[in-house]
PDB file of N, CA and C in Angstrom:
ATOM      1  N   UNK A   1      -1.573  -8.616  -9.119  1.00  0.00           N
ATOM      2  CA  UNK A   1      -0.867  -7.537  -9.292  1.00  0.00           C
ATOM      3  C   UNK A   1      -2.042  -6.516 -10.010  1.00  0.00           C
ATOM      4  N   UNK A   2      -2.920  -6.744 -10.558  1.00  0.00           N
ATOM      5  CA  UNK A   2      -3.714  -5.763 -11.251  1.00  0.00           C
ATOM      6  C   UNK A   2      -4.629  -5.062  -9.913  1.00  0.00           C
ATOM      7  N   UNK A   3      -4.691  -6.011  -8.744  1.00  0.00           N
ATOM      8  CA  UNK A   3      -5.375  -5.241  -7.969  1.00  0.00           C
ATOM      9  C   UNK A   3      -4.894  -3.965  -7.369  1.00  0.00           C
ATOM     10  N   UNK A   4      -3.331  -4.152  -7.158  1.00  0.00           N
ATOM     11  CA  UNK A   4      -2.541  -3.070  -6.751  1.00  0.00           C
ATOM     12  C   UNK A   4      -2.585  -2.054  -7.509  1.00  0.00           C
ATOM     13  N   UNK A   5      -2.545  -2.078  -8.839  1.00  0.00           N
ATOM     14  CA  UNK A   5      -2.285  -0.931  -9.833  1.00  0.00           C
ATOM     15  C   UNK A   5      -3.762  -0.411  -9.573  1.00  0.00           C
ATOM     16  N   UNK A   6      -5.090  -1.110  -9.545  1.00  0.00           N
ATOM     17  CA  UNK A   6      -6.319  -0.823  -9.261  1.00  0.00           C
ATOM     18  C   UNK A   6      -6.556   0.763  -8.389  1.00  0.00           C
ATOM     19  N   UNK A   7      -5.753   0.375  -7.545  1.00  0.00           N
ATOM     20  CA  UNK A   7      -5.952   1.076  -6.028  1.00  0.00           C
ATOM     21  C   UNK A   7      -4.613   2.158  -5.986  1.00  0.00           C
ATOM     22  N   UNK A   8      -3.836   2.275  -6.944  1.00  0.00           N
ATOM     23  CA  UNK A   8      -2.577   3.298  -6.969  1.00  0.00           C
ATOM     24  C   UNK A   8      -2.861   4.226  -7.162  1.00  0.00           C
ATOM     25  N   UNK A   9      -3.915   5.199  -7.963  1.00  0.00           N
ATOM     26  CA  UNK A   9      -4.639   6.201  -8.050  1.00  0.00           C
ATOM     27  C   UNK A   9      -5.019   6.930  -7.048  1.00  0.00           C
ATOM     28  N   UNK A  10      -5.540   6.140  -6.038  1.00  0.00           N
ATOM     29  CA  UNK A  10      -5.892   6.423  -4.557  1.00  0.00           C
ATOM     30  C   UNK A  10      -4.937   6.395  -3.481  1.00  0.00           C
ATOM     31  N   UNK A  11      -3.989   5.908  -3.811  1.00  0.00           N
ATOM     32  CA  UNK A  11      -3.272   5.896  -2.994  1.00  0.00           C
ATOM     33  C   UNK A  11      -2.098   6.877  -2.845  1.00  0.00           C
ATOM     34  N   UNK A  12      -1.802   7.401  -4.458  1.00  0.00           N
ATOM     35  CA  UNK A  12      -0.787   8.267  -4.433  1.00  0.00           C
ATOM     36  C   UNK A  12      -0.991   9.620  -3.606  1.00  0.00           C
ATOM     37  N   UNK A  13      -2.305  10.262  -4.040  1.00  0.00           N
ATOM     38  CA  UNK A  13      -2.284  11.338  -2.965  1.00  0.00           C
ATOM     39  C   UNK A  13      -2.331  11.288  -1.772  1.00  0.00           C
ATOM     40  N   UNK A  14      -2.737  10.112  -1.063  1.00  0.00           N
ATOM     41  CA  UNK A  14      -2.765  10.025   0.192  1.00  0.00           C
ATOM     42  C   UNK A  14      -1.053   9.944   0.794  1.00  0.00           C
ATOM     43  N   UNK A  15      -0.190   9.184   0.169  1.00  0.00           N
ATOM     44  CA  UNK A  15       1.204   9.094   0.198  1.00  0.00           C
ATOM     45  C   UNK A  15       2.035  10.375   0.079  1.00  0.00           C
ATOM     46  N   UNK A  16       1.401  11.395  -0.626  1.00  0.00           N
ATOM     47  CA  UNK A  16       2.014  12.580  -1.009  1.00  0.00           C
ATOM     48  C   UNK A  16       1.614  13.539   0.168  1.00  0.00           C
ATOM     49  N   UNK A  17       0.279  13.493   0.776  1.00  0.00           N
ATOM     50  CA  UNK A  17      -0.229  14.076   1.719  1.00  0.00           C
ATOM     51  C   UNK A  17       0.771  13.763   3.074  1.00  0.00           C
ATOM     52  N   UNK A  18       1.165  12.136   3.395  1.00  0.00           N
ATOM     53  CA  UNK A  18       1.689  11.967   4.088  1.00  0.00           C
ATOM     54  C   UNK A  18       3.131  12.435   4.422  1.00  0.00           C
ATOM     55  N   UNK A  19       3.736  12.430   3.203  1.00  0.00           N
ATOM     56  CA  UNK A  19       5.123  12.697   3.043  1.00  0.00           C
ATOM     57  C   UNK A  19       5.125  14.309   3.364  1.00  0.00           C
ATOM     58  N   UNK A  20       4.218  14.902   2.874  1.00  0.00           N
ATOM     59  CA  UNK A  20       4.232  16.655   3.193  1.00  0.00           C
ATOM     60  C   UNK A  20       4.113  17.170   4.469  1.00  0.00           C
ATOM     61  N   UNK A  21       3.415  16.377   5.064  1.00  0.00           N
ATOM     62  CA  UNK A  21       3.133  16.373   6.577  1.00  0.00           C
ATOM     63  C   UNK A  21       3.988  15.883   7.820  1.00  0.00           C
ATOM     64  N   UNK A  22       4.744  15.004   7.139  1.00  0.00           N
ATOM     65  CA  UNK A  22       6.072  14.506   7.933  1.00  0.00           C
ATOM     66  C   UNK A  22       7.116  15.684   7.828  1.00  0.00           C
ATOM     67  N   UNK A  23       7.405  15.984   6.651  1.00  0.00           N
ATOM     68  CA  UNK A  23       8.640  17.043   6.469  1.00  0.00           C
ATOM     69  C   UNK A  23       7.994  18.344   7.072  1.00  0.00           C
ATOM     70  N   UNK A  24       7.010  19.084   6.947  1.00  0.00           N
ATOM     71  CA  UNK A  24       6.578  20.013   7.574  1.00  0.00           C
ATOM     72  C   UNK A  24       6.584  19.659   9.459  1.00  0.00           C
ATOM     73  N   UNK A  25       6.080  18.997   9.644  1.00  0.00           N
ATOM     74  CA  UNK A  25       6.302  18.704  11.072  1.00  0.00           C
ATOM     75  C   UNK A  25       7.687  18.395  11.603  1.00  0.00           C
ATOM     76  N   UNK A  26       8.691  17.620  11.141  1.00  0.00           N
ATOM     77  CA  UNK A  26       9.823  17.770  11.311  1.00  0.00           C
ATOM     78  C   UNK A  26      10.581  19.090  11.422  1.00  0.00           C
ATOM     79  N   UNK A  27      10.317  19.814  10.419  1.00  0.00           N
ATOM     80  CA  UNK A  27      11.011  21.072  10.279  1.00  0.00           C
ATOM     81  C   UNK A  27      10.386  21.920  11.363  1.00  0.00           C
ATOM     82  N   UNK A  28       8.853  21.946  11.925  1.00  0.00           N
ATOM     83  CA  UNK A  28       8.592  22.667  13.118  1.00  0.00           C
ATOM     84  C   UNK A  28       9.703  22.100  14.403  1.00  0.00           C
ATOM     85  N   UNK A  29       9.583  20.628  14.169  1.00  0.00           N
ATOM     86  CA  UNK A  29       9.831  20.051  15.478  1.00  0.00           C
ATOM     87  C   UNK A  29      11.409  20.742  15.681  1.00  0.00           C
ATOM     88  N   UNK A  30      12.155  20.860  14.710  1.00  0.00           N
ATOM     89  CA  UNK A  30      13.441  21.320  14.581  1.00  0.00           C
ATOM     90  C   UNK A  30      13.556  22.547  15.271  1.00  0.00           C
ATOM     91  N   UNK A  31      12.911  23.083  14.676  1.00  0.00           N
ATOM     92  CA  UNK A  31      12.644  24.866  15.190  1.00  0.00           C
ATOM     93  C   UNK A  31      12.823  25.198  16.360  1.00  0.00           C
ATOM     94  N   UNK A  32      11.563  24.111  17.001  1.00  0.00           N
ATOM     95  CA  UNK A  32      11.164  24.676  18.210  1.00  0.00           C
ATOM     96  C   UNK A  32      12.196  24.162  19.637  1.00  0.00           C
ATOM     97  N   UNK A  33      12.455  25.046  20.516  1.00  0.00           N
ATOM     98  CA  UNK A  33      13.201  24.669  21.811  1.00  0.00           C
ATOM     99  C   UNK A  33      12.519  23.717  22.693  1.00  0.00           C
ATOM    100  N   UNK A  34      11.089  24.222  22.947  1.00  0.00           N
ATOM    101  CA  UNK A  34      10.686  23.289  23.493  1.00  0.00           C
ATOM    102  C   UNK A  34       9.151  22.525  23.377  1.00  0.00           C
ATOM    103  N   UNK A  35       8.862  21.590  23.730  1.00  0.00           N
ATOM    104  CA  UNK A  35       7.543  21.132  23.389  1.00  0.00           C
ATOM    105  C   UNK A  35       6.722  20.682  24.483  1.00  0.00           C
ATOM    106  N   UNK A  36       5.320  20.198  24.542  1.00  0.00           N
ATOM    107  CA  UNK A  36       4.643  19.656  25.823  1.00  0.00           C
ATOM    108  C   UNK A  36       5.147  18.271  25.731  1.00  0.00           C
ATOM    109  N   UNK A  37       6.084  17.844  26.650  1.00  0.00           N
ATOM    110  CA  UNK A  37       6.409  16.388  26.575  1.00  0.00           C
ATOM    111  C   UNK A  37       7.752  16.533  26.296  1.00  0.00           C
ATOM    112  N   UNK A  38       8.642  15.154  26.258  1.00  0.00           N
ATOM    113  CA  UNK A  38       9.686  15.109  25.784  1.00  0.00           C
ATOM    114  C   UNK A  38       9.951  15.504  24.268  1.00  0.00           C
ATOM    115  N   UNK A  39      11.145  16.043  23.881  1.00  0.00           N
ATOM    116  CA  UNK A  39      11.070  16.311  22.220  1.00  0.00           C
ATOM    117  C   UNK A  39      11.613  15.048  21.531  1.00  0.00           C
ATOM    118  N   UNK A  40      12.220  14.241  22.084  1.00  0.00           N
ATOM    119  CA  UNK A  40      12.621  13.015  21.360  1.00  0.00           C
ATOM    120  C   UNK A  40      11.481  12.033  20.897  1.00  0.00           C
ATOM    121  N   UNK A  41      10.443  12.318  22.224  1.00  0.00           N
ATOM    122  CA  UNK A  41       9.121  11.514  21.915  1.00  0.00           C
ATOM    123  C   UNK A  41       8.259  11.462  20.739  1.00  0.00           C
ATOM    124  N   UNK A  42       8.210  13.078  20.734  1.00  0.00           N
ATOM    125  CA  UNK A  42       7.420  13.397  19.550  1.00  0.00           C
ATOM    126  C   UNK A  42       8.212  13.137  18.024  1.00  0.00           C
ATOM    127  N   UNK A  43       9.605  13.343  18.062  1.00  0.00           N
ATOM    128  CA  UNK A  43      10.037  12.605  17.021  1.00  0.00           C
ATOM    129  C   UNK A  43       9.594  11.237  16.826  1.00  0.00           C
ATOM    130  N   UNK A  44       9.544  10.355  17.616  1.00  0.00           N
ATOM    131  CA  UNK A  44       9.157   9.281  17.325  1.00  0.00           C
ATOM    132  C   UNK A  44       7.662   9.038  16.665  1.00  0.00           C
ATOM    133  N   UNK A  45       6.888  10.048  17.542  1.00  0.00           N
ATOM    134  CA  UNK A  45       5.558   9.963  17.009  1.00  0.00           C
ATOM    135  C   UNK A  45       5.338  10.692  15.379  1.00  0.00           C
ATOM    136  N   UNK A  46       5.948  11.592  15.018  1.00  0.00           N
ATOM    137  CA  UNK A  46       5.879  12.080  13.900  1.00  0.00           C
ATOM    138  C   UNK A  46       6.477  10.834  12.898  1.00  0.00           C
ATOM    139  N   UNK A  47       7.640  10.267  13.575  1.00  0.00           N
ATOM    140  CA  UNK A  47       8.150   9.265  12.421  1.00  0.00           C
ATOM    141  C   UNK A  47       7.416   8.025  11.885  1.00  0.00           C
ATOM    142  N   UNK A  48       6.867   7.340  13.213  1.00  0.00           N
ATOM    143  CA  UNK A  48       6.421   6.439  13.335  1.00  0.00           C
ATOM    144  C   UNK A  48       4.884   5.971  13.210  1.00  0.00           C
ATOM    145  N   UNK A  49       4.069   6.818  13.517  1.00  0.00           N
ATOM    146  CA  UNK A  49       2.735   7.068  13.703  1.00  0.00           C
ATOM    147  C   UNK A  49       1.824   7.120  12.254  1.00  0.00           C
ATOM    148  N   UNK A  50       2.783   7.048  11.487  1.00  0.00           N
ATOM    149  CA  UNK A  50       2.198   7.159   9.832  1.00  0.00           C
ATOM    150  C   UNK A  50       1.203   8.645  10.077  1.00  0.00           C
ATOM    151  N   UNK A  51       0.211   8.446   9.180  1.00  0.00           N
ATOM    152  CA  UNK A  51      -0.447   9.699   8.838  1.00  0.00           C
ATOM    153  C   UNK A  51      -1.124  10.439  10.057  1.00  0.00           C
ATOM    154  N   UNK A  52      -1.056   9.970  11.219  1.00  0.00           N
ATOM    155  CA  UNK A  52      -1.902  10.558  12.241  1.00  0.00           C
ATOM    156  C   UNK A  52      -0.472  11.147  13.204  1.00  0.00           C
ATOM    157  N   UNK A  53       0.427  10.620  12.932  1.00  0.00           N
ATOM    158  CA  UNK A  53       1.570  11.342  14.150  1.00  0.00           C
ATOM    159  C   UNK A  53       1.689  12.703  13.694  1.00  0.00           C
ATOM    160  N   UNK A  54       1.983  13.149  12.132  1.00  0.00           N
ATOM    161  CA  UNK A  54       2.095  14.730  12.299  1.00  0.00           C
ATOM    162  C   UNK A  54       1.095  15.545  12.988  1.00  0.00           C
ATOM    163  N   UNK A  55      -0.224  15.207  12.429  1.00  0.00           N
ATOM    164  CA  UNK A  55      -1.360  15.835  12.756  1.00  0.00           C
ATOM    165  C   UNK A  55      -1.706  15.734  14.595  1.00  0.00           C
ATOM    166  N   UNK A  56      -1.035  14.579  15.061  1.00  0.00           N
ATOM    167  CA  UNK A  56      -1.338  14.939  16.889  1.00  0.00           C
ATOM    168  C   UNK A  56      -0.334  15.758  17.275  1.00  0.00           C
ATOM    169  N   UNK A  57       0.949  15.702  16.489  1.00  0.00           N
ATOM    170  CA  UNK A  57       2.268  16.739  17.018  1.00  0.00           C
ATOM    171  C   UNK A  57       1.619  18.005  16.674  1.00  0.00           C
ATOM    172  N   UNK A  58       0.929  18.649  15.694  1.00  0.00           N
ATOM    173  CA  UNK A  58       0.381  19.918  15.301  1.00  0.00           C
ATOM    174  C   UNK A  58      -0.685  20.254  16.593  1.00  0.00           C
ATOM    175  N   UNK A  59      -1.292  19.013  16.846  1.00  0.00           N
ATOM    176  CA  UNK A  59      -2.523  19.710  17.656  1.00  0.00           C
ATOM    177  C   UNK A  59      -2.121  19.340  19.006  1.00  0.00           C
ATOM    178  N   UNK A  60      -1.298  18.704  19.673  1.00  0.00           N
ATOM    179  CA  UNK A  60      -0.824  18.681  21.055  1.00  0.00           C
ATOM    180  C   UNK A  60       0.752  19.030  21.470  1.00  0.00           C
ATOM    181  N   UNK A  61       1.542  18.655  20.688  1.00  0.00           N
ATOM    182  CA  UNK A  61       2.543  19.198  21.099  1.00  0.00           C
ATOM    183  C   UNK A  61       3.249  20.651  21.148  1.00  0.00           C
ATOM    184  N   UNK A  62       2.848  21.030  20.376  1.00  0.00           N
ATOM    185  CA  UNK A  62       3.400  22.412  20.134  1.00  0.00           C
ATOM    186  C   UNK A  62       2.816  23.504  21.410  1.00  0.00           C
ATOM    187  N   UNK A  63       3.667  24.183  21.965  1.00  0.00           N
ATOM    188  CA  UNK A  63       3.421  24.965  22.697  1.00  0.00           C
ATOM    189  C   UNK A  63       3.234  26.467  22.192  1.00  0.00           C
ATOM    190  N   UNK A  64       2.262  27.330  22.532  1.00  0.00           N
ATOM    191  CA  UNK A  64       1.953  28.476  22.231  1.00  0.00           C
ATOM    192  C   UNK A  64       3.379  29.355  22.545  1.00  0.00           C
ATOM    193  N   UNK A  65       3.557  30.346  21.521  1.00  0.00           N
ATOM    194  CA  UNK A  65       4.624  31.176  21.468  1.00  0.00           C
ATOM    195  C   UNK A  65       4.303  32.554  22.155  1.00  0.00           C
TER     196      UNK A  65
END
């Protein structure tokens, strides 16, 4: 248990960043009518590919307006 508590200060910022990225990506995904590829697939990437999923969405899926 002490080992977990030792790494907690390092994990909390990562978890907060991950949560913020997911929320922002989901809000963007929801407002866009089209994406590169199926919209449902990007939803799965955002939700299930952890920290890198929202980053991939912002880099690849968004079409220029």
